Structures are given as structure tokens and as C-alpha cells.
Amino acid sequence: YSDLTYDYSEDTSPGSAFAADLAAY
């Protein structure tokens, strides 16, 4: 989740994303 809202415009909004990790050891 990222909230970089910086002005008075209704065109900007916080953004969110989903991601996955894969690992081996």
C-alpha cells in the first residue's frame, strides 16, 4: 500500500498491489 497523495485533486488516490515471493535454499 502506498499513499503519496499530494494535492487537492480528486484524480490522485493511494495505490495498492498484491505480489508473491518464491525462494529456495
mmCIF file of all heavy atoms, coordinates in Angstrom:
data_MODEL
# 
_entry.id   MODEL 
# 
loop_
_atom_site.group_PDB 
_atom_site.id 
_atom_site.type_symbol 
_atom_site.label_atom_id 
_atom_site.label_alt_id 
_atom_site.label_comp_id 
_atom_site.label_asym_id 
_atom_site.label_entity_id 
_atom_site.label_seq_id 
_atom_site.pdbx_PDB_ins_code 
_atom_site.Cartn_x 
_atom_site.Cartn_y 
_atom_site.Cartn_z 
_atom_site.occupancy 
_atom_site.B_iso_or_equiv 
_atom_site.pdbx_formal_charge 
_atom_site.auth_seq_id 
_atom_site.auth_comp_id 
_atom_site.auth_asym_id 
_atom_site.auth_atom_id 
_atom_site.pdbx_PDB_model_num 
ATOM 1   N N   . TYR A 1 1  ? 0.854   -1.195  0.000   1.00 0.00 ? 1  TYR A N   1 
ATOM 2   C CA  . TYR A 1 1  ? 0.000   0.000   0.000   1.00 0.00 ? 1  TYR A CA  1 
ATOM 3   C C   . TYR A 1 1  ? 0.886   1.240   0.000   1.00 0.00 ? 1  TYR A C   1 
ATOM 4   O O   . TYR A 1 1  ? 1.861   1.326   0.752   1.00 0.00 ? 1  TYR A O   1 
ATOM 5   C CB  . TYR A 1 1  ? -0.903  -0.001  1.231   1.00 0.00 ? 1  TYR A CB  1 
ATOM 6   C CG  . TYR A 1 1  ? -1.870  1.148   1.300   1.00 0.00 ? 1  TYR A CG  1 
ATOM 7   C CD1 . TYR A 1 1  ? -3.082  1.106   0.620   1.00 0.00 ? 1  TYR A CD1 1 
ATOM 8   C CD2 . TYR A 1 1  ? -1.582  2.287   2.055   1.00 0.00 ? 1  TYR A CD2 1 
ATOM 9   C CE1 . TYR A 1 1  ? -3.995  2.157   0.696   1.00 0.00 ? 1  TYR A CE1 1 
ATOM 10  C CE2 . TYR A 1 1  ? -2.478  3.340   2.132   1.00 0.00 ? 1  TYR A CE2 1 
ATOM 11  C CZ  . TYR A 1 1  ? -3.676  3.276   1.454   1.00 0.00 ? 1  TYR A CZ  1 
ATOM 12  O OH  . TYR A 1 1  ? -4.558  4.314   1.533   1.00 0.00 ? 1  TYR A OH  1 
ATOM 13  N N   . SER A 1 2  ? 0.548   2.201   -0.851  1.00 0.00 ? 2  SER A N   1 
ATOM 14  C CA  . SER A 1 2  ? 1.328   3.431   -0.954  1.00 0.00 ? 2  SER A CA  1 
ATOM 15  C C   . SER A 1 2  ? 0.394   4.631   -1.026  1.00 0.00 ? 2  SER A C   1 
ATOM 16  O O   . SER A 1 2  ? -0.468  4.701   -1.904  1.00 0.00 ? 2  SER A O   1 
ATOM 17  C CB  . SER A 1 2  ? 2.222   3.392   -2.211  1.00 0.00 ? 2  SER A CB  1 
ATOM 18  O OG  . SER A 1 2  ? 2.943   4.593   -2.361  1.00 0.00 ? 2  SER A OG  1 
ATOM 19  N N   . ASP A 1 3  ? 0.558   5.565   -0.096  1.00 0.00 ? 3  ASP A N   1 
ATOM 20  C CA  . ASP A 1 3  ? -0.250  6.785   -0.059  1.00 0.00 ? 3  ASP A CA  1 
ATOM 21  C C   . ASP A 1 3  ? 0.672   7.977   -0.283  1.00 0.00 ? 3  ASP A C   1 
ATOM 22  O O   . ASP A 1 3  ? 1.335   8.450   0.632   1.00 0.00 ? 3  ASP A O   1 
ATOM 23  C CB  . ASP A 1 3  ? -0.975  6.912   1.276   1.00 0.00 ? 3  ASP A CB  1 
ATOM 24  C CG  . ASP A 1 3  ? -1.943  8.092   1.297   1.00 0.00 ? 3  ASP A CG  1 
ATOM 25  O OD1 . ASP A 1 3  ? -1.968  8.859   0.317   1.00 0.00 ? 3  ASP A OD1 1 
ATOM 26  O OD2 . ASP A 1 3  ? -2.672  8.252   2.298   1.00 0.00 ? 3  ASP A OD2 1 
ATOM 27  N N   . LEU A 1 4  ? 0.727   8.442   -1.532  1.00 0.00 ? 4  LEU A N   1 
ATOM 28  C CA  . LEU A 1 4  ? 1.561   9.585   -1.897  1.00 0.00 ? 4  LEU A CA  1 
ATOM 29  C C   . LEU A 1 4  ? 0.715   10.784  -2.301  1.00 0.00 ? 4  LEU A C   1 
ATOM 30  O O   . LEU A 1 4  ? 1.193   11.675  -3.004  1.00 0.00 ? 4  LEU A O   1 
ATOM 31  C CB  . LEU A 1 4  ? 2.499   9.205   -3.058  1.00 0.00 ? 4  LEU A CB  1 
ATOM 32  C CG  . LEU A 1 4  ? 3.372   7.968   -2.857  1.00 0.00 ? 4  LEU A CG  1 
ATOM 33  C CD1 . LEU A 1 4  ? 4.215   7.708   -4.097  1.00 0.00 ? 4  LEU A CD1 1 
ATOM 34  C CD2 . LEU A 1 4  ? 4.266   8.133   -1.638  1.00 0.00 ? 4  LEU A CD2 1 
ATOM 35  N N   . THR A 1 5  ? -0.551  10.814  -1.894  1.00 0.00 ? 5  THR A N   1 
ATOM 36  C CA  . THR A 1 5  ? -1.459  11.893  -2.270  1.00 0.00 ? 5  THR A CA  1 
ATOM 37  C C   . THR A 1 5  ? -0.883  13.237  -1.854  1.00 0.00 ? 5  THR A C   1 
ATOM 38  O O   . THR A 1 5  ? -0.558  13.465  -0.696  1.00 0.00 ? 5  THR A O   1 
ATOM 39  C CB  . THR A 1 5  ? -2.832  11.696  -1.617  1.00 0.00 ? 5  THR A CB  1 
ATOM 40  O OG1 . THR A 1 5  ? -3.320  10.387  -1.959  1.00 0.00 ? 5  THR A OG1 1 
ATOM 41  C CG2 . THR A 1 5  ? -3.806  12.734  -2.097  1.00 0.00 ? 5  THR A CG2 1 
ATOM 42  N N   . TYR A 1 6  ? -0.747  14.134  -2.834  1.00 0.00 ? 6  TYR A N   1 
ATOM 43  C CA  . TYR A 1 6  ? -0.012  15.367  -2.572  1.00 0.00 ? 6  TYR A CA  1 
ATOM 44  C C   . TYR A 1 6  ? -0.733  16.635  -3.002  1.00 0.00 ? 6  TYR A C   1 
ATOM 45  O O   . TYR A 1 6  ? -0.182  17.731  -2.874  1.00 0.00 ? 6  TYR A O   1 
ATOM 46  C CB  . TYR A 1 6  ? 1.338   15.316  -3.288  1.00 0.00 ? 6  TYR A CB  1 
ATOM 47  C CG  . TYR A 1 6  ? 1.221   15.128  -4.795  1.00 0.00 ? 6  TYR A CG  1 
ATOM 48  C CD1 . TYR A 1 6  ? 1.097   16.210  -5.654  1.00 0.00 ? 6  TYR A CD1 1 
ATOM 49  C CD2 . TYR A 1 6  ? 1.209   13.852  -5.337  1.00 0.00 ? 6  TYR A CD2 1 
ATOM 50  C CE1 . TYR A 1 6  ? 0.978   16.029  -7.015  1.00 0.00 ? 6  TYR A CE1 1 
ATOM 51  C CE2 . TYR A 1 6  ? 1.088   13.664  -6.705  1.00 0.00 ? 6  TYR A CE2 1 
ATOM 52  C CZ  . TYR A 1 6  ? 0.982   14.762  -7.547  1.00 0.00 ? 6  TYR A CZ  1 
ATOM 53  O OH  . TYR A 1 6  ? 0.850   14.573  -8.888  1.00 0.00 ? 6  TYR A OH  1 
ATOM 54  N N   . ASP A 1 7  ? -1.925  16.556  -3.550  1.00 0.00 ? 7  ASP A N   1 
ATOM 55  C CA  . ASP A 1 7  ? -2.592  17.786  -3.965  1.00 0.00 ? 7  ASP A CA  1 
ATOM 56  C C   . ASP A 1 7  ? -4.084  17.704  -3.654  1.00 0.00 ? 7  ASP A C   1 
ATOM 57  O O   . ASP A 1 7  ? -4.557  16.745  -3.046  1.00 0.00 ? 7  ASP A O   1 
ATOM 58  C CB  . ASP A 1 7  ? -2.346  18.084  -5.454  1.00 0.00 ? 7  ASP A CB  1 
ATOM 59  C CG  . ASP A 1 7  ? -2.855  16.970  -6.350  1.00 0.00 ? 7  ASP A CG  1 
ATOM 60  O OD1 . ASP A 1 7  ? -3.730  16.198  -5.903  1.00 0.00 ? 7  ASP A OD1 1 
ATOM 61  O OD2 . ASP A 1 7  ? -2.392  16.867  -7.491  1.00 0.00 ? 7  ASP A OD2 1 
ATOM 62  N N   . TYR A 1 8  ? -4.805  18.695  -4.096  1.00 0.00 ? 8  TYR A N   1 
ATOM 63  C CA  . TYR A 1 8  ? -6.230  18.792  -3.790  1.00 0.00 ? 8  TYR A CA  1 
ATOM 64  C C   . TYR A 1 8  ? -7.102  18.132  -4.848  1.00 0.00 ? 8  TYR A C   1 
ATOM 65  O O   . TYR A 1 8  ? -8.318  18.154  -4.757  1.00 0.00 ? 8  TYR A O   1 
ATOM 66  C CB  . TYR A 1 8  ? -6.634  20.266  -3.679  1.00 0.00 ? 8  TYR A CB  1 
ATOM 67  C CG  . TYR A 1 8  ? -6.039  20.965  -2.484  1.00 0.00 ? 8  TYR A CG  1 
ATOM 68  C CD1 . TYR A 1 8  ? -4.755  21.483  -2.539  1.00 0.00 ? 8  TYR A CD1 1 
ATOM 69  C CD2 . TYR A 1 8  ? -6.756  21.109  -1.295  1.00 0.00 ? 8  TYR A CD2 1 
ATOM 70  C CE1 . TYR A 1 8  ? -4.198  22.138  -1.453  1.00 0.00 ? 8  TYR A CE1 1 
ATOM 71  C CE2 . TYR A 1 8  ? -6.219  21.771  -0.205  1.00 0.00 ? 8  TYR A CE2 1 
ATOM 72  C CZ  . TYR A 1 8  ? -4.930  22.278  -0.288  1.00 0.00 ? 8  TYR A CZ  1 
ATOM 73  O OH  . TYR A 1 8  ? -4.382  22.922  0.788   1.00 0.00 ? 8  TYR A OH  1 
ATOM 74  N N   . SER A 1 9  ? -6.489  17.566  -5.861  1.00 0.00 ? 9  SER A N   1 
ATOM 75  C CA  . SER A 1 9  ? -7.243  16.984  -6.960  1.00 0.00 ? 9  SER A CA  1 
ATOM 76  C C   . SER A 1 9  ? -7.855  15.653  -6.556  1.00 0.00 ? 9  SER A C   1 
ATOM 77  O O   . SER A 1 9  ? -7.277  14.877  -5.799  1.00 0.00 ? 9  SER A O   1 
ATOM 78  C CB  . SER A 1 9  ? -6.324  16.783  -8.172  1.00 0.00 ? 9  SER A CB  1 
ATOM 79  O OG  . SER A 1 9  ? -6.978  16.050  -9.178  1.00 0.00 ? 9  SER A OG  1 
ATOM 80  N N   . GLU A 1 10 ? -9.039  15.397  -7.093  1.00 0.00 ? 10 GLU A N   1 
ATOM 81  C CA  . GLU A 1 10 ? -9.685  14.114  -6.853  1.00 0.00 ? 10 GLU A CA  1 
ATOM 82  C C   . GLU A 1 10 ? -9.122  13.024  -7.762  1.00 0.00 ? 10 GLU A C   1 
ATOM 83  O O   . GLU A 1 10 ? -9.504  11.861  -7.657  1.00 0.00 ? 10 GLU A O   1 
ATOM 84  C CB  . GLU A 1 10 ? -11.196 14.243  -7.070  1.00 0.00 ? 10 GLU A CB  1 
ATOM 85  C CG  . GLU A 1 10 ? -11.874 15.177  -6.081  1.00 0.00 ? 10 GLU A CG  1 
ATOM 86  C CD  . GLU A 1 10 ? -13.363 15.258  -6.324  1.00 0.00 ? 10 GLU A CD  1 
ATOM 87  O OE1 . GLU A 1 10 ? -13.823 14.650  -7.319  1.00 0.00 ? 10 GLU A OE1 1 
ATOM 88  O OE2 . GLU A 1 10 ? -14.071 15.928  -5.541  1.00 0.00 ? 10 GLU A OE2 1 
ATOM 89  N N   . ASP A 1 11 ? -8.197  13.418  -8.676  1.00 0.00 ? 11 ASP A N   1 
ATOM 90  C CA  . ASP A 1 11 ? -7.640  12.442  -9.599  1.00 0.00 ? 11 ASP A CA  1 
ATOM 91  C C   . ASP A 1 11 ? -6.562  11.581  -8.965  1.00 0.00 ? 11 ASP A C   1 
ATOM 92  O O   . ASP A 1 11 ? -6.164  10.568  -9.539  1.00 0.00 ? 11 ASP A O   1 
ATOM 93  C CB  . ASP A 1 11 ? -7.049  13.156  -10.828 1.00 0.00 ? 11 ASP A CB  1 
ATOM 94  C CG  . ASP A 1 11 ? -8.119  13.849  -11.656 1.00 0.00 ? 11 ASP A CG  1 
ATOM 95  O OD1 . ASP A 1 11 ? -9.270  13.369  -11.615 1.00 0.00 ? 11 ASP A OD1 1 
ATOM 96  O OD2 . ASP A 1 11 ? -7.809  14.850  -12.319 1.00 0.00 ? 11 ASP A OD2 1 
ATOM 97  N N   . THR A 1 12 ? -6.033  11.983  -7.833  1.00 0.00 ? 12 THR A N   1 
ATOM 98  C CA  . THR A 1 12 ? -4.990  11.195  -7.179  1.00 0.00 ? 12 THR A CA  1 
ATOM 99  C C   . THR A 1 12 ? -5.566  10.400  -6.024  1.00 0.00 ? 12 THR A C   1 
ATOM 100 O O   . THR A 1 12 ? -6.474  10.857  -5.323  1.00 0.00 ? 12 THR A O   1 
ATOM 101 C CB  . THR A 1 12 ? -3.868  12.111  -6.652  1.00 0.00 ? 12 THR A CB  1 
ATOM 102 O OG1 . THR A 1 12 ? -4.407  13.015  -5.686  1.00 0.00 ? 12 THR A OG1 1 
ATOM 103 C CG2 . THR A 1 12 ? -3.229  12.889  -7.791  1.00 0.00 ? 12 THR A CG2 1 
ATOM 104 N N   . SER A 1 13 ? -5.045  9.213   -5.845  1.00 0.00 ? 13 SER A N   1 
ATOM 105 C CA  . SER A 1 13 ? -5.524  8.340   -4.774  1.00 0.00 ? 13 SER A CA  1 
ATOM 106 C C   . SER A 1 13 ? -4.404  7.392   -4.380  1.00 0.00 ? 13 SER A C   1 
ATOM 107 O O   . SER A 1 13 ? -3.465  7.171   -5.144  1.00 0.00 ? 13 SER A O   1 
ATOM 108 C CB  . SER A 1 13 ? -6.751  7.549   -5.244  1.00 0.00 ? 13 SER A CB  1 
ATOM 109 O OG  . SER A 1 13 ? -6.407  6.696   -6.325  1.00 0.00 ? 13 SER A OG  1 
ATOM 110 N N   . PRO A 1 14 ? -4.468  6.825   -3.186  1.00 0.00 ? 14 PRO A N   1 
ATOM 111 C CA  . PRO A 1 14 ? -3.470  5.826   -2.790  1.00 0.00 ? 14 PRO A CA  1 
ATOM 112 C C   . PRO A 1 14 ? -3.523  4.608   -3.719  1.00 0.00 ? 14 PRO A C   1 
ATOM 113 O O   . PRO A 1 14 ? -4.559  4.300   -4.316  1.00 0.00 ? 14 PRO A O   1 
ATOM 114 C CB  . PRO A 1 14 ? -3.884  5.458   -1.367  1.00 0.00 ? 14 PRO A CB  1 
ATOM 115 C CG  . PRO A 1 14 ? -4.713  6.611   -0.895  1.00 0.00 ? 14 PRO A CG  1 
ATOM 116 C CD  . PRO A 1 14 ? -5.412  7.126   -2.105  1.00 0.00 ? 14 PRO A CD  1 
ATOM 117 N N   . GLY A 1 15 ? -2.399  3.925   -3.829  1.00 0.00 ? 15 GLY A N   1 
ATOM 118 C CA  . GLY A 1 15 ? -2.328  2.742   -4.675  1.00 0.00 ? 15 GLY A CA  1 
ATOM 119 C C   . GLY A 1 15 ? -2.030  1.499   -3.851  1.00 0.00 ? 15 GLY A C   1 
ATOM 120 O O   . GLY A 1 15 ? -1.446  1.576   -2.776  1.00 0.00 ? 15 GLY A O   1 
ATOM 121 N N   . SER A 1 16 ? -2.434  0.363   -4.366  1.00 0.00 ? 16 SER A N   1 
ATOM 122 C CA  . SER A 1 16 ? -2.153  -0.903  -3.692  1.00 0.00 ? 16 SER A CA  1 
ATOM 123 C C   . SER A 1 16 ? -1.857  -1.975  -4.736  1.00 0.00 ? 16 SER A C   1 
ATOM 124 O O   . SER A 1 16 ? -2.255  -1.865  -5.905  1.00 0.00 ? 16 SER A O   1 
ATOM 125 C CB  . SER A 1 16 ? -3.315  -1.335  -2.804  1.00 0.00 ? 16 SER A CB  1 
ATOM 126 O OG  . SER A 1 16 ? -4.487  -1.562  -3.579  1.00 0.00 ? 16 SER A OG  1 
ATOM 127 N N   . ALA A 1 17 ? -1.159  -3.003  -4.299  1.00 0.00 ? 17 ALA A N   1 
ATOM 128 C CA  . ALA A 1 17 ? -0.793  -4.100  -5.194  1.00 0.00 ? 17 ALA A CA  1 
ATOM 129 C C   . ALA A 1 17 ? -0.644  -5.373  -4.383  1.00 0.00 ? 17 ALA A C   1 
ATOM 130 O O   . ALA A 1 17 ? -0.402  -5.345  -3.168  1.00 0.00 ? 17 ALA A O   1 
ATOM 131 C CB  . ALA A 1 17 ? 0.502   -3.783  -5.940  1.00 0.00 ? 17 ALA A CB  1 
ATOM 132 N N   . PHE A 1 18 ? -0.796  -6.502  -5.070  1.00 0.00 ? 18 PHE A N   1 
ATOM 133 C CA  . PHE A 1 18 ? -0.560  -7.814  -4.467  1.00 0.00 ? 18 PHE A CA  1 
ATOM 134 C C   . PHE A 1 18 ? 0.609   -8.467  -5.191  1.00 0.00 ? 18 PHE A C   1 
ATOM 135 O O   . PHE A 1 18 ? 0.777   -8.309  -6.406  1.00 0.00 ? 18 PHE A O   1 
ATOM 136 C CB  . PHE A 1 18 ? -1.806  -8.698  -4.568  1.00 0.00 ? 18 PHE A CB  1 
ATOM 137 C CG  . PHE A 1 18 ? -2.904  -8.291  -3.629  1.00 0.00 ? 18 PHE A CG  1 
ATOM 138 C CD1 . PHE A 1 18 ? -3.896  -7.417  -4.049  1.00 0.00 ? 18 PHE A CD1 1 
ATOM 139 C CD2 . PHE A 1 18 ? -2.929  -8.771  -2.323  1.00 0.00 ? 18 PHE A CD2 1 
ATOM 140 C CE1 . PHE A 1 18 ? -4.912  -7.040  -3.187  1.00 0.00 ? 18 PHE A CE1 1 
ATOM 141 C CE2 . PHE A 1 18 ? -3.947  -8.391  -1.453  1.00 0.00 ? 18 PHE A CE2 1 
ATOM 142 C CZ  . PHE A 1 18 ? -4.939  -7.525  -1.885  1.00 0.00 ? 18 PHE A CZ  1 
ATOM 143 N N   . ALA A 1 19 ? 1.428   -9.201  -4.430  1.00 0.00 ? 19 ALA A N   1 
ATOM 144 C CA  . ALA A 1 19 ? 2.607   -9.813  -5.014  1.00 0.00 ? 19 ALA A CA  1 
ATOM 145 C C   . ALA A 1 19 ? 2.890   -11.147 -4.335  1.00 0.00 ? 19 ALA A C   1 
ATOM 146 O O   . ALA A 1 19 ? 2.374   -11.441 -3.254  1.00 0.00 ? 19 ALA A O   1 
ATOM 147 C CB  . ALA A 1 19 ? 3.819   -8.886  -4.890  1.00 0.00 ? 19 ALA A CB  1 
ATOM 148 N N   . ALA A 1 20 ? 3.730   -11.952 -4.983  1.00 0.00 ? 20 ALA A N   1 
ATOM 149 C CA  . ALA A 1 20 ? 4.138   -13.247 -4.444  1.00 0.00 ? 20 ALA A CA  1 
ATOM 150 C C   . ALA A 1 20 ? 5.650   -13.364 -4.468  1.00 0.00 ? 20 ALA A C   1 
ATOM 151 O O   . ALA A 1 20 ? 6.331   -12.715 -5.272  1.00 0.00 ? 20 ALA A O   1 
ATOM 152 C CB  . ALA A 1 20 ? 3.509   -14.377 -5.262  1.00 0.00 ? 20 ALA A CB  1 
ATOM 153 N N   . ASP A 1 21 ? 6.172   -14.175 -3.556  1.00 0.00 ? 21 ASP A N   1 
ATOM 154 C CA  . ASP A 1 21 ? 7.604   -14.471 -3.486  1.00 0.00 ? 21 ASP A CA  1 
ATOM 155 C C   . ASP A 1 21 ? 7.820   -15.964 -3.684  1.00 0.00 ? 21 ASP A C   1 
ATOM 156 O O   . ASP A 1 21 ? 7.027   -16.788 -3.210  1.00 0.00 ? 21 ASP A O   1 
ATOM 157 C CB  . ASP A 1 21 ? 8.199   -14.067 -2.133  1.00 0.00 ? 21 ASP A CB  1 
ATOM 158 C CG  . ASP A 1 21 ? 8.168   -12.570 -1.884  1.00 0.00 ? 21 ASP A CG  1 
ATOM 159 O OD1 . ASP A 1 21 ? 7.755   -11.826 -2.791  1.00 0.00 ? 21 ASP A OD1 1 
ATOM 160 O OD2 . ASP A 1 21 ? 8.549   -12.146 -0.778  1.00 0.00 ? 21 ASP A OD2 1 
ATOM 161 N N   . LEU A 1 22 ? 8.915   -16.322 -4.351  1.00 0.00 ? 22 LEU A N   1 
ATOM 162 C CA  . LEU A 1 22 ? 9.339   -17.707 -4.496  1.00 0.00 ? 22 LEU A CA  1 
ATOM 163 C C   . LEU A 1 22 ? 10.806  -17.793 -4.091  1.00 0.00 ? 22 LEU A C   1 
ATOM 164 O O   . LEU A 1 22 ? 11.609  -16.937 -4.487  1.00 0.00 ? 22 LEU A O   1 
ATOM 165 C CB  . LEU A 1 22 ? 9.160   -18.198 -5.938  1.00 0.00 ? 22 LEU A CB  1 
ATOM 166 C CG  . LEU A 1 22 ? 7.730   -18.214 -6.489  1.00 0.00 ? 22 LEU A CG  1 
ATOM 167 C CD1 . LEU A 1 22 ? 7.740   -18.576 -7.964  1.00 0.00 ? 22 LEU A CD1 1 
ATOM 168 C CD2 . LEU A 1 22 ? 6.855   -19.191 -5.700  1.00 0.00 ? 22 LEU A CD2 1 
ATOM 169 N N   . ALA A 1 23 ? 11.159  -18.805 -3.302  1.00 0.00 ? 23 ALA A N   1 
ATOM 170 C CA  . ALA A 1 23 ? 12.524  -18.877 -2.791  1.00 0.00 ? 23 ALA A CA  1 
ATOM 171 C C   . ALA A 1 23 ? 12.977  -20.323 -2.664  1.00 0.00 ? 23 ALA A C   1 
ATOM 172 O O   . ALA A 1 23 ? 12.159  -21.243 -2.533  1.00 0.00 ? 23 ALA A O   1 
ATOM 173 C CB  . ALA A 1 23 ? 12.626  -18.172 -1.437  1.00 0.00 ? 23 ALA A CB  1 
ATOM 174 N N   . ALA A 1 24 ? 14.305  -20.515 -2.690  1.00 0.00 ? 24 ALA A N   1 
ATOM 175 C CA  . ALA A 1 24 ? 14.911  -21.827 -2.496  1.00 0.00 ? 24 ALA A CA  1 
ATOM 176 C C   . ALA A 1 24 ? 16.230  -21.644 -1.759  1.00 0.00 ? 24 ALA A C   1 
ATOM 177 O O   . ALA A 1 24 ? 16.907  -20.619 -1.908  1.00 0.00 ? 24 ALA A O   1 
ATOM 178 C CB  . ALA A 1 24 ? 15.133  -22.530 -3.831  1.00 0.00 ? 24 ALA A CB  1 
ATOM 179 N N   . TYR A 1 25 ? 16.581  -22.652 -0.967  1.00 0.00 ? 25 TYR A N   1 
ATOM 180 C CA  . TYR A 1 25 ? 17.805  -22.567 -0.170  1.00 0.00 ? 25 TYR A CA  1 
ATOM 181 C C   . TYR A 1 25 ? 18.446  -23.950 -0.077  1.00 0.00 ? 25 TYR A C   1 
ATOM 182 O O   . TYR A 1 25 ? 17.763  -24.957 0.135   1.00 0.00 ? 25 TYR A O   1 
ATOM 183 C CB  . TYR A 1 25 ? 17.481  -22.046 1.225   1.00 0.00 ? 25 TYR A CB  1 
ATOM 184 C CG  . TYR A 1 25 ? 18.669  -21.948 2.162   1.00 0.00 ? 25 TYR A CG  1 
ATOM 185 C CD1 . TYR A 1 25 ? 19.731  -21.086 1.884   1.00 0.00 ? 25 TYR A CD1 1 
ATOM 186 C CD2 . TYR A 1 25 ? 18.712  -22.711 3.323   1.00 0.00 ? 25 TYR A CD2 1 
ATOM 187 C CE1 . TYR A 1 25 ? 20.811  -20.994 2.758   1.00 0.00 ? 25 TYR A CE1 1 
ATOM 188 C CE2 . TYR A 1 25 ? 19.785  -22.618 4.204   1.00 0.00 ? 25 TYR A CE2 1 
ATOM 189 C CZ  . TYR A 1 25 ? 20.831  -21.762 3.911   1.00 0.00 ? 25 TYR A CZ  1 
ATOM 190 O OH  . TYR A 1 25 ? 21.906  -21.677 4.767   1.00 0.00 ? 25 TYR A OH  1 
# 
